[in-house]
């Protein structure tokens, strides 16, 4: 949690997530502050690590990767070196667009985007099951991927109020 975010910081973060390509002048106007204040506030948000970069969002269908799947992978033996080795290998695969290291029955959840269902099959059979440390794979095809464009920072939880004494 990042304490010290005020309404202006929250507005800047929201507007930048909506459109990171807008000019500083437009950003300042939308958030009701001066351009110099906007520039300084955004610089501070980057320095504090709240803003980690600016990225172009691609339409997966338009780039020839319309089929998405979530693949759960269990690794054996569950040793740090084996887990880290698989993580580094999987992270480099062009089909993988997101990866989670998880708890529970599986160690990884891979989000892949590929041209067609045959490519999902090939990814699982030719890439994953060929790895010695892969003990189990479960694949779920995604019919639709809905993603939040704006992520609101978590605000500090309110302190519980002490009950009033009865008089």
N, C-alpha and C. Protein backbone atom coordinates (compact mmCIF):
# COMPACT_ATOMS: atom_id res chain seq x y z
N UNK A 1 0.85 -1.17 0.00
CA UNK A 1 0.00 0.00 0.00
C UNK A 1 0.90 1.23 0.00
N UNK A 2 0.52 2.22 -0.73
CA UNK A 2 1.30 3.44 -0.81
C UNK A 2 0.59 4.58 -0.10
N UNK A 3 1.00 4.86 1.12
CA UNK A 3 0.37 5.95 1.84
C UNK A 3 0.75 7.29 1.21
N UNK A 4 -0.03 8.27 1.49
CA UNK A 4 0.30 9.60 1.01
C UNK A 4 -0.27 9.93 -0.34
N UNK A 5 -1.15 9.11 -0.88
CA UNK A 5 -1.80 9.45 -2.14
C UNK A 5 -3.00 10.33 -1.83
N UNK A 6 -3.02 11.49 -2.44
CA UNK A 6 -4.16 12.37 -2.24
C UNK A 6 -5.06 12.31 -3.47
N UNK A 7 -6.11 13.11 -3.46
CA UNK A 7 -7.09 13.10 -4.56
C UNK A 7 -6.44 13.47 -5.89
N UNK A 8 -5.47 14.36 -5.87
CA UNK A 8 -4.79 14.75 -7.12
C UNK A 8 -3.97 13.59 -7.67
N UNK A 9 -3.23 12.90 -6.80
CA UNK A 9 -2.46 11.73 -7.24
C UNK A 9 -3.39 10.67 -7.84
N UNK A 10 -4.50 10.42 -7.16
CA UNK A 10 -5.45 9.42 -7.65
C UNK A 10 -6.01 9.82 -9.01
N UNK A 11 -6.32 11.11 -9.17
CA UNK A 11 -6.86 11.59 -10.45
C UNK A 11 -5.81 11.47 -11.56
N UNK A 12 -4.56 11.82 -11.25
CA UNK A 12 -3.49 11.68 -12.24
C UNK A 12 -3.31 10.23 -12.67
N UNK A 13 -3.29 9.32 -11.69
CA UNK A 13 -3.13 7.91 -12.00
C UNK A 13 -4.29 7.40 -12.85
N UNK A 14 -5.50 7.79 -12.52
CA UNK A 14 -6.68 7.37 -13.28
C UNK A 14 -6.59 7.88 -14.72
N UNK A 15 -6.29 9.16 -14.88
CA UNK A 15 -6.23 9.74 -16.23
C UNK A 15 -5.11 9.14 -17.07
N UNK A 16 -3.96 8.89 -16.46
CA UNK A 16 -2.85 8.29 -17.20
C UNK A 16 -3.17 6.85 -17.63
N UNK A 17 -3.90 6.13 -16.80
CA UNK A 17 -4.30 4.78 -17.19
C UNK A 17 -5.31 4.80 -18.32
N UNK A 18 -6.14 5.83 -18.36
CA UNK A 18 -7.10 5.96 -19.45
C UNK A 18 -6.42 6.33 -20.75
N UNK A 19 -5.39 7.19 -20.67
CA UNK A 19 -4.68 7.63 -21.88
C UNK A 19 -3.31 8.16 -21.48
N UNK A 20 -2.30 7.32 -21.58
CA UNK A 20 -0.94 7.71 -21.19
C UNK A 20 -0.28 8.58 -22.25
N UNK A 21 -0.89 8.70 -23.43
CA UNK A 21 -0.30 9.51 -24.51
C UNK A 21 -0.77 10.96 -24.50
N UNK A 22 -1.69 11.31 -23.63
CA UNK A 22 -2.17 12.68 -23.62
C UNK A 22 -1.07 13.64 -23.19
N UNK A 23 -1.18 14.86 -23.61
CA UNK A 23 -0.17 15.85 -23.26
C UNK A 23 -0.28 16.20 -21.79
N UNK A 24 0.80 16.71 -21.25
CA UNK A 24 0.79 17.15 -19.86
C UNK A 24 -0.24 18.27 -19.67
N UNK A 25 -0.38 19.13 -20.65
CA UNK A 25 -1.36 20.23 -20.56
C UNK A 25 -2.79 19.65 -20.44
N UNK A 26 -3.10 18.63 -21.26
CA UNK A 26 -4.42 18.00 -21.18
C UNK A 26 -4.62 17.29 -19.85
N UNK A 27 -3.58 16.60 -19.39
CA UNK A 27 -3.63 15.91 -18.10
C UNK A 27 -3.91 16.90 -16.98
N UNK A 28 -3.21 18.01 -17.01
CA UNK A 28 -3.41 19.04 -15.97
C UNK A 28 -4.84 19.59 -16.02
N UNK A 29 -5.35 19.84 -17.21
CA UNK A 29 -6.71 20.37 -17.34
C UNK A 29 -7.74 19.38 -16.81
N UNK A 30 -7.56 18.11 -17.11
CA UNK A 30 -8.52 17.09 -16.66
C UNK A 30 -8.49 16.88 -15.16
N UNK A 31 -7.36 17.16 -14.54
CA UNK A 31 -7.26 16.95 -13.09
C UNK A 31 -7.37 18.26 -12.30
N UNK A 32 -7.52 19.38 -13.00
CA UNK A 32 -7.75 20.65 -12.33
C UNK A 32 -6.53 21.25 -11.65
N UNK A 33 -5.34 20.98 -12.21
CA UNK A 33 -4.12 21.55 -11.64
C UNK A 33 -3.32 22.22 -12.75
N UNK A 34 -2.29 22.94 -12.36
CA UNK A 34 -1.46 23.61 -13.36
C UNK A 34 -0.56 22.60 -14.06
N UNK A 35 -0.13 22.89 -15.28
CA UNK A 35 0.78 21.97 -15.99
C UNK A 35 2.08 21.70 -15.22
N UNK A 36 2.63 22.71 -14.55
CA UNK A 36 3.87 22.49 -13.81
C UNK A 36 3.63 21.56 -12.62
N UNK A 37 2.49 21.70 -11.96
CA UNK A 37 2.16 20.81 -10.84
C UNK A 37 1.95 19.39 -11.35
N UNK A 38 1.27 19.26 -12.48
CA UNK A 38 1.04 17.95 -13.08
C UNK A 38 2.36 17.26 -13.40
N UNK A 39 3.26 17.99 -14.03
CA UNK A 39 4.57 17.43 -14.40
C UNK A 39 5.33 16.96 -13.16
N UNK A 40 5.35 17.77 -12.12
CA UNK A 40 6.07 17.43 -10.89
C UNK A 40 5.42 16.24 -10.19
N UNK A 41 4.10 16.22 -10.12
CA UNK A 41 3.39 15.13 -9.45
C UNK A 41 3.63 13.81 -10.17
N UNK A 42 3.57 13.81 -11.49
CA UNK A 42 3.80 12.58 -12.26
C UNK A 42 5.24 12.12 -12.08
N UNK A 43 6.18 13.05 -12.06
CA UNK A 43 7.59 12.70 -11.83
C UNK A 43 7.74 12.02 -10.47
N UNK A 44 7.10 12.56 -9.44
CA UNK A 44 7.17 11.97 -8.10
C UNK A 44 6.51 10.59 -8.05
N UNK A 45 5.40 10.43 -8.76
CA UNK A 45 4.73 9.12 -8.80
C UNK A 45 5.63 8.07 -9.46
N UNK A 46 6.38 8.48 -10.49
CA UNK A 46 7.34 7.55 -11.12
C UNK A 46 8.47 7.23 -10.15
N UNK A 47 9.02 8.24 -9.48
CA UNK A 47 10.12 8.02 -8.54
C UNK A 47 9.71 7.11 -7.39
N UNK A 48 8.47 7.23 -6.93
CA UNK A 48 7.97 6.40 -5.84
C UNK A 48 7.64 4.98 -6.29
N UNK A 49 7.66 4.74 -7.60
CA UNK A 49 7.41 3.41 -8.11
C UNK A 49 5.94 3.09 -8.35
N UNK A 50 5.06 4.07 -8.25
CA UNK A 50 3.65 3.81 -8.54
C UNK A 50 3.42 3.68 -10.03
N UNK A 51 4.10 4.48 -10.81
CA UNK A 51 4.04 4.37 -12.27
C UNK A 51 5.31 3.63 -12.69
N UNK A 52 5.12 2.46 -13.29
CA UNK A 52 6.28 1.64 -13.65
C UNK A 52 6.60 1.69 -15.13
N UNK A 53 5.74 2.29 -15.93
CA UNK A 53 6.01 2.39 -17.35
C UNK A 53 4.76 2.77 -18.11
N UNK A 54 4.92 2.94 -19.41
CA UNK A 54 3.83 3.27 -20.31
C UNK A 54 3.89 2.25 -21.44
N UNK A 55 2.76 1.65 -21.75
CA UNK A 55 2.75 0.55 -22.72
C UNK A 55 1.64 0.73 -23.74
N UNK A 56 1.87 0.19 -24.91
CA UNK A 56 0.83 0.14 -25.93
C UNK A 56 0.03 -1.15 -25.75
N UNK A 57 -1.28 -1.04 -25.68
CA UNK A 57 -2.14 -2.22 -25.58
C UNK A 57 -2.49 -2.68 -26.99
N UNK A 58 -2.23 -3.95 -27.26
CA UNK A 58 -2.48 -4.49 -28.59
C UNK A 58 -3.76 -5.31 -28.62
N UNK A 59 -4.44 -5.29 -29.74
CA UNK A 59 -5.60 -6.12 -29.97
C UNK A 59 -5.08 -7.48 -30.42
N UNK A 60 -5.31 -8.51 -29.59
CA UNK A 60 -4.75 -9.84 -29.88
C UNK A 60 -5.28 -10.42 -31.19
N UNK A 61 -6.53 -10.16 -31.52
CA UNK A 61 -7.06 -10.65 -32.80
C UNK A 61 -6.33 -10.00 -33.97
N UNK A 62 -6.10 -8.70 -33.87
CA UNK A 62 -5.46 -7.97 -34.97
C UNK A 62 -4.00 -8.38 -35.17
N UNK A 63 -3.34 -8.88 -34.12
CA UNK A 63 -1.95 -9.32 -34.27
C UNK A 63 -1.86 -10.83 -34.49
N UNK A 64 -3.00 -11.46 -34.81
CA UNK A 64 -3.00 -12.87 -35.18
C UNK A 64 -2.95 -13.85 -34.03
N UNK A 65 -3.37 -13.42 -32.82
CA UNK A 65 -3.34 -14.31 -31.66
C UNK A 65 -4.69 -14.25 -30.92
N UNK A 66 -5.78 -14.62 -31.60
CA UNK A 66 -7.10 -14.45 -31.01
C UNK A 66 -7.51 -15.50 -29.98
N UNK A 67 -6.84 -16.65 -29.94
CA UNK A 67 -7.22 -17.72 -29.02
C UNK A 67 -6.38 -17.61 -27.75
N UNK A 68 -7.07 -17.53 -26.61
CA UNK A 68 -6.38 -17.42 -25.33
C UNK A 68 -6.71 -18.64 -24.47
N UNK A 69 -5.74 -19.03 -23.66
CA UNK A 69 -5.95 -20.15 -22.75
C UNK A 69 -5.20 -19.87 -21.45
N UNK A 70 -5.71 -20.46 -20.38
CA UNK A 70 -5.06 -20.43 -19.07
C UNK A 70 -4.59 -21.84 -18.79
N UNK A 71 -3.30 -21.98 -18.52
CA UNK A 71 -2.72 -23.30 -18.35
C UNK A 71 -2.09 -23.40 -16.97
N UNK A 72 -2.62 -24.31 -16.15
CA UNK A 72 -2.08 -24.56 -14.82
C UNK A 72 -1.00 -25.63 -14.94
N UNK A 73 0.14 -25.38 -14.30
CA UNK A 73 1.28 -26.29 -14.40
C UNK A 73 1.77 -26.65 -13.00
N UNK A 74 1.93 -27.94 -12.76
CA UNK A 74 2.51 -28.42 -11.50
C UNK A 74 3.92 -28.91 -11.80
N UNK A 75 4.86 -28.46 -10.99
CA UNK A 75 6.28 -28.77 -11.16
C UNK A 75 6.73 -29.77 -10.08
N UNK A 76 7.56 -30.71 -10.47
CA UNK A 76 8.16 -31.65 -9.53
C UNK A 76 9.61 -31.87 -9.90
N UNK A 77 10.53 -31.92 -8.97
CA UNK A 77 10.31 -31.71 -7.54
C UNK A 77 10.09 -30.22 -7.24
N UNK A 78 9.38 -29.93 -6.17
CA UNK A 78 9.07 -28.54 -5.84
C UNK A 78 10.24 -27.83 -5.15
N UNK A 79 11.36 -27.79 -5.82
CA UNK A 79 12.56 -27.15 -5.27
C UNK A 79 12.71 -25.76 -5.87
N UNK A 80 13.29 -24.86 -5.10
CA UNK A 80 13.46 -23.47 -5.55
C UNK A 80 14.15 -23.38 -6.91
N UNK A 81 15.23 -24.10 -7.09
CA UNK A 81 15.98 -24.03 -8.35
C UNK A 81 15.13 -24.51 -9.52
N UNK A 82 14.32 -25.53 -9.31
CA UNK A 82 13.47 -26.06 -10.37
C UNK A 82 12.37 -25.07 -10.71
N UNK A 83 11.73 -24.52 -9.68
CA UNK A 83 10.66 -23.53 -9.87
C UNK A 83 11.22 -22.30 -10.60
N UNK A 84 12.35 -21.78 -10.14
CA UNK A 84 12.93 -20.59 -10.76
C UNK A 84 13.38 -20.86 -12.19
N UNK A 85 13.92 -22.04 -12.44
CA UNK A 85 14.34 -22.40 -13.80
C UNK A 85 13.15 -22.45 -14.75
N UNK A 86 12.05 -23.05 -14.30
CA UNK A 86 10.85 -23.12 -15.14
C UNK A 86 10.30 -21.71 -15.37
N UNK A 87 10.26 -20.91 -14.32
CA UNK A 87 9.74 -19.55 -14.44
C UNK A 87 10.52 -18.75 -15.47
N UNK A 88 11.83 -18.82 -15.44
CA UNK A 88 12.66 -18.08 -16.40
C UNK A 88 12.44 -18.60 -17.82
N UNK A 89 12.34 -19.92 -17.98
CA UNK A 89 12.11 -20.50 -19.30
C UNK A 89 10.75 -20.09 -19.85
N UNK A 90 9.69 -20.25 -19.05
CA UNK A 90 8.33 -19.96 -19.51
C UNK A 90 8.14 -18.47 -19.81
N UNK A 91 8.79 -17.63 -19.03
CA UNK A 91 8.67 -16.18 -19.24
C UNK A 91 9.17 -15.75 -20.61
N UNK A 92 10.09 -16.50 -21.18
CA UNK A 92 10.68 -16.16 -22.48
C UNK A 92 9.85 -16.65 -23.67
N UNK A 93 8.87 -17.49 -23.44
CA UNK A 93 8.09 -18.06 -24.54
C UNK A 93 7.19 -16.99 -25.15
N UNK A 94 7.18 -16.88 -26.48
CA UNK A 94 6.39 -15.82 -27.11
C UNK A 94 4.88 -15.99 -26.93
N UNK A 95 4.41 -17.20 -26.71
CA UNK A 95 2.98 -17.43 -26.52
C UNK A 95 2.48 -16.91 -25.17
N UNK A 96 3.37 -16.84 -24.19
CA UNK A 96 2.99 -16.46 -22.83
C UNK A 96 2.85 -14.94 -22.73
N UNK A 97 1.63 -14.49 -22.41
CA UNK A 97 1.41 -13.04 -22.27
C UNK A 97 1.30 -12.63 -20.81
N UNK A 98 1.13 -13.60 -19.91
CA UNK A 98 1.14 -13.34 -18.47
C UNK A 98 1.43 -14.65 -17.76
N UNK A 99 2.02 -14.52 -16.58
CA UNK A 99 2.36 -15.71 -15.81
C UNK A 99 2.22 -15.40 -14.33
N UNK A 100 1.64 -16.34 -13.61
CA UNK A 100 1.49 -16.22 -12.18
C UNK A 100 2.16 -17.40 -11.52
N UNK A 101 2.92 -17.16 -10.47
CA UNK A 101 3.45 -18.22 -9.62
C UNK A 101 2.42 -18.35 -8.51
N UNK A 102 1.87 -19.56 -8.32
CA UNK A 102 0.71 -19.72 -7.46
C UNK A 102 0.93 -20.71 -6.33
N UNK A 103 0.01 -20.69 -5.38
CA UNK A 103 -0.03 -21.70 -4.33
C UNK A 103 -1.14 -22.68 -4.69
N UNK A 104 -1.25 -23.75 -3.93
CA UNK A 104 -2.30 -24.72 -4.20
C UNK A 104 -1.77 -25.90 -4.99
N UNK A 105 -2.66 -26.58 -5.70
CA UNK A 105 -2.24 -27.81 -6.40
C UNK A 105 -1.31 -27.57 -7.58
N UNK A 106 -1.28 -26.36 -8.11
CA UNK A 106 -0.39 -26.04 -9.23
C UNK A 106 0.57 -24.93 -8.83
N UNK A 107 1.69 -24.90 -9.51
CA UNK A 107 2.74 -23.93 -9.19
C UNK A 107 2.70 -22.70 -10.07
N UNK A 108 2.15 -22.84 -11.29
CA UNK A 108 2.11 -21.74 -12.25
C UNK A 108 0.75 -21.69 -12.93
N UNK A 109 0.37 -20.48 -13.31
CA UNK A 109 -0.77 -20.28 -14.19
C UNK A 109 -0.23 -19.44 -15.35
N UNK A 110 -0.23 -20.02 -16.54
CA UNK A 110 0.25 -19.34 -17.73
C UNK A 110 -0.94 -18.85 -18.54
N UNK A 111 -0.90 -17.60 -18.96
CA UNK A 111 -1.92 -17.03 -19.84
C UNK A 111 -1.26 -16.93 -21.20
N UNK A 112 -1.79 -17.68 -22.16
CA UNK A 112 -1.19 -17.66 -23.49
C UNK A 112 -2.18 -17.10 -24.51
N UNK A 113 -1.65 -16.58 -25.60
CA UNK A 113 -2.44 -16.12 -26.74
C UNK A 113 -1.77 -16.66 -27.98
N UNK A 114 -2.56 -17.38 -28.80
CA UNK A 114 -2.03 -18.08 -29.98
C UNK A 114 -3.00 -17.94 -31.15
N UNK A 115 -2.58 -18.34 -32.36
CA UNK A 115 -3.44 -18.18 -33.54
C UNK A 115 -4.71 -19.04 -33.54
N UNK A 116 -4.64 -20.28 -32.99
CA UNK A 116 -5.78 -21.17 -33.09
C UNK A 116 -5.69 -22.26 -32.02
N UNK A 117 -6.74 -23.10 -31.94
CA UNK A 117 -6.79 -24.16 -30.94
C UNK A 117 -5.66 -25.17 -31.14
N UNK A 118 -5.31 -25.45 -32.38
CA UNK A 118 -4.19 -26.37 -32.63
C UNK A 118 -2.90 -25.85 -32.03
N UNK A 119 -2.74 -24.54 -31.98
CA UNK A 119 -1.54 -23.94 -31.38
C UNK A 119 -1.54 -24.10 -29.87
N UNK A 120 -2.72 -24.11 -29.25
CA UNK A 120 -2.80 -24.38 -27.80
C UNK A 120 -2.32 -25.80 -27.56
N UNK A 121 -2.83 -26.74 -28.34
CA UNK A 121 -2.43 -28.14 -28.21
C UNK A 121 -0.92 -28.30 -28.41
N UNK A 122 -0.40 -27.68 -29.44
CA UNK A 122 1.04 -27.77 -29.71
C UNK A 122 1.86 -27.17 -28.57
N UNK A 123 1.39 -26.06 -28.01
CA UNK A 123 2.10 -25.43 -26.89
C UNK A 123 2.18 -26.40 -25.71
N UNK A 124 1.05 -27.01 -25.38
CA UNK A 124 1.02 -27.94 -24.24
C UNK A 124 1.87 -29.17 -24.51
N UNK A 125 1.68 -29.80 -25.67
CA UNK A 125 2.36 -31.06 -25.96
C UNK A 125 3.83 -30.86 -26.33
N UNK A 126 4.10 -29.89 -27.19
CA UNK A 126 5.47 -29.72 -27.69
C UNK A 126 6.36 -28.89 -26.78
N UNK A 127 5.77 -28.01 -26.02
CA UNK A 127 6.60 -27.16 -25.16
C UNK A 127 6.58 -27.63 -23.71
N UNK A 128 5.38 -27.69 -23.13
CA UNK A 128 5.28 -27.95 -21.69
C UNK A 128 5.59 -29.40 -21.31
N UNK A 129 4.90 -30.36 -21.93
CA UNK A 129 5.08 -31.74 -21.48
C UNK A 129 6.43 -32.33 -21.86
N UNK A 130 7.17 -31.65 -22.70
CA UNK A 130 8.53 -32.09 -23.01
C UNK A 130 9.51 -31.76 -21.88
N UNK A 131 9.10 -30.86 -20.99
CA UNK A 131 9.97 -30.48 -19.88
C UNK A 131 9.91 -31.54 -18.79
N UNK A 132 11.06 -31.99 -18.35
CA UNK A 132 11.17 -33.05 -17.34
C UNK A 132 10.47 -32.68 -16.03
N UNK A 133 10.53 -31.40 -15.64
CA UNK A 133 9.98 -31.00 -14.33
C UNK A 133 8.46 -30.80 -14.34
N UNK A 134 7.83 -30.83 -15.51
CA UNK A 134 6.38 -30.63 -15.59
C UNK A 134 5.69 -31.95 -15.23
N UNK A 135 4.98 -31.95 -14.08
CA UNK A 135 4.30 -33.15 -13.60
C UNK A 135 2.84 -33.20 -14.02
N UNK A 136 2.21 -32.04 -14.20
CA UNK A 136 0.79 -32.01 -14.54
C UNK A 136 0.47 -30.70 -15.24
N UNK A 137 -0.45 -30.77 -16.20
CA UNK A 137 -0.89 -29.59 -16.94
C UNK A 137 -2.41 -29.66 -17.06
N UNK A 138 -3.08 -28.54 -16.79
CA UNK A 138 -4.52 -28.44 -17.03
C UNK A 138 -4.76 -27.18 -17.85
N UNK A 139 -5.51 -27.33 -18.93
CA UNK A 139 -5.74 -26.23 -19.86
C UNK A 139 -7.20 -25.82 -19.85
N UNK A 140 -7.43 -24.51 -19.80
CA UNK A 140 -8.77 -23.94 -19.89
C UNK A 140 -8.76 -22.91 -21.01
N UNK A 141 -9.61 -23.11 -22.03
CA UNK A 141 -9.74 -22.11 -23.09
C UNK A 141 -10.56 -20.94 -22.57
N UNK A 142 -10.15 -19.75 -22.94
CA UNK A 142 -10.87 -18.54 -22.53
C UNK A 142 -11.76 -18.10 -23.69
N UNK A 143 -13.04 -17.95 -23.42
CA UNK A 143 -13.96 -17.48 -24.45
C UNK A 143 -13.84 -15.97 -24.63
N UNK A 144 -13.57 -15.29 -23.53
CA UNK A 144 -13.49 -13.83 -23.58
C UNK A 144 -12.55 -13.36 -22.47
N UNK A 145 -11.83 -12.30 -22.74
CA UNK A 145 -10.92 -11.71 -21.76
C UNK A 145 -11.34 -10.26 -21.56
N UNK A 146 -11.85 -9.97 -20.38
CA UNK A 146 -12.26 -8.62 -20.04
C UNK A 146 -11.25 -8.11 -19.02
N UNK A 147 -10.63 -7.01 -19.34
CA UNK A 147 -9.57 -6.49 -18.48
C UNK A 147 -9.91 -5.09 -18.01
N UNK A 148 -9.65 -4.82 -16.74
CA UNK A 148 -9.85 -3.47 -16.22
C UNK A 148 -8.75 -2.57 -16.74
N UNK A 149 -9.14 -1.45 -17.31
CA UNK A 149 -8.14 -0.51 -17.81
C UNK A 149 -7.59 0.36 -16.70
N UNK A 150 -8.42 0.62 -15.70
CA UNK A 150 -8.00 1.51 -14.61
C UNK A 150 -7.99 0.73 -13.31
N UNK A 151 -6.85 0.73 -12.65
CA UNK A 151 -6.69 0.07 -11.36
C UNK A 151 -6.59 1.15 -10.30
N UNK A 152 -7.53 1.14 -9.37
CA UNK A 152 -7.52 2.13 -8.29
C UNK A 152 -6.57 1.66 -7.20
N UNK A 153 -5.67 2.51 -6.74
CA UNK A 153 -4.82 2.14 -5.61
C UNK A 153 -5.67 1.85 -4.38
N UNK A 154 -5.22 0.91 -3.57
CA UNK A 154 -5.92 0.60 -2.33
C UNK A 154 -5.71 1.75 -1.36
N UNK A 155 -6.77 2.15 -0.73
CA UNK A 155 -6.69 3.21 0.26
C UNK A 155 -6.55 2.58 1.63
N UNK A 156 -5.91 3.29 2.57
CA UNK A 156 -5.77 2.72 3.91
C UNK A 156 -7.15 2.41 4.49
N UNK A 157 -7.24 1.25 5.16
CA UNK A 157 -8.51 0.85 5.78
C UNK A 157 -8.83 1.80 6.92
N UNK A 158 -10.10 2.05 7.10
CA UNK A 158 -10.51 2.91 8.21
C UNK A 158 -10.22 2.18 9.51
N UNK A 159 -9.81 2.94 10.49
CA UNK A 159 -9.58 2.38 11.81
C UNK A 159 -10.93 2.08 12.45
N UNK A 160 -11.07 0.93 13.10
CA UNK A 160 -12.35 0.63 13.74
C UNK A 160 -12.63 1.65 14.83
N UNK A 161 -13.87 2.04 14.90
CA UNK A 161 -14.26 3.00 15.92
C UNK A 161 -14.45 2.30 17.25
N UNK A 162 -14.02 2.98 18.31
CA UNK A 162 -14.22 2.42 19.64
C UNK A 162 -15.68 2.65 20.03
N UNK A 163 -16.30 1.63 20.60
CA UNK A 163 -17.69 1.82 21.01
C UNK A 163 -17.78 2.88 22.12
N UNK A 164 -18.83 3.65 22.05
CA UNK A 164 -19.06 4.65 23.09
C UNK A 164 -19.55 3.98 24.35
N UNK A 165 -19.14 4.56 25.47
CA UNK A 165 -19.61 4.05 26.74
C UNK A 165 -21.04 4.50 26.98
N UNK A 166 -21.81 3.60 27.48
CA UNK A 166 -23.18 3.93 27.85
C UNK A 166 -23.15 4.73 29.13
N UNK A 167 -23.94 5.78 29.20
CA UNK A 167 -23.98 6.59 30.43
C UNK A 167 -25.20 6.29 31.20
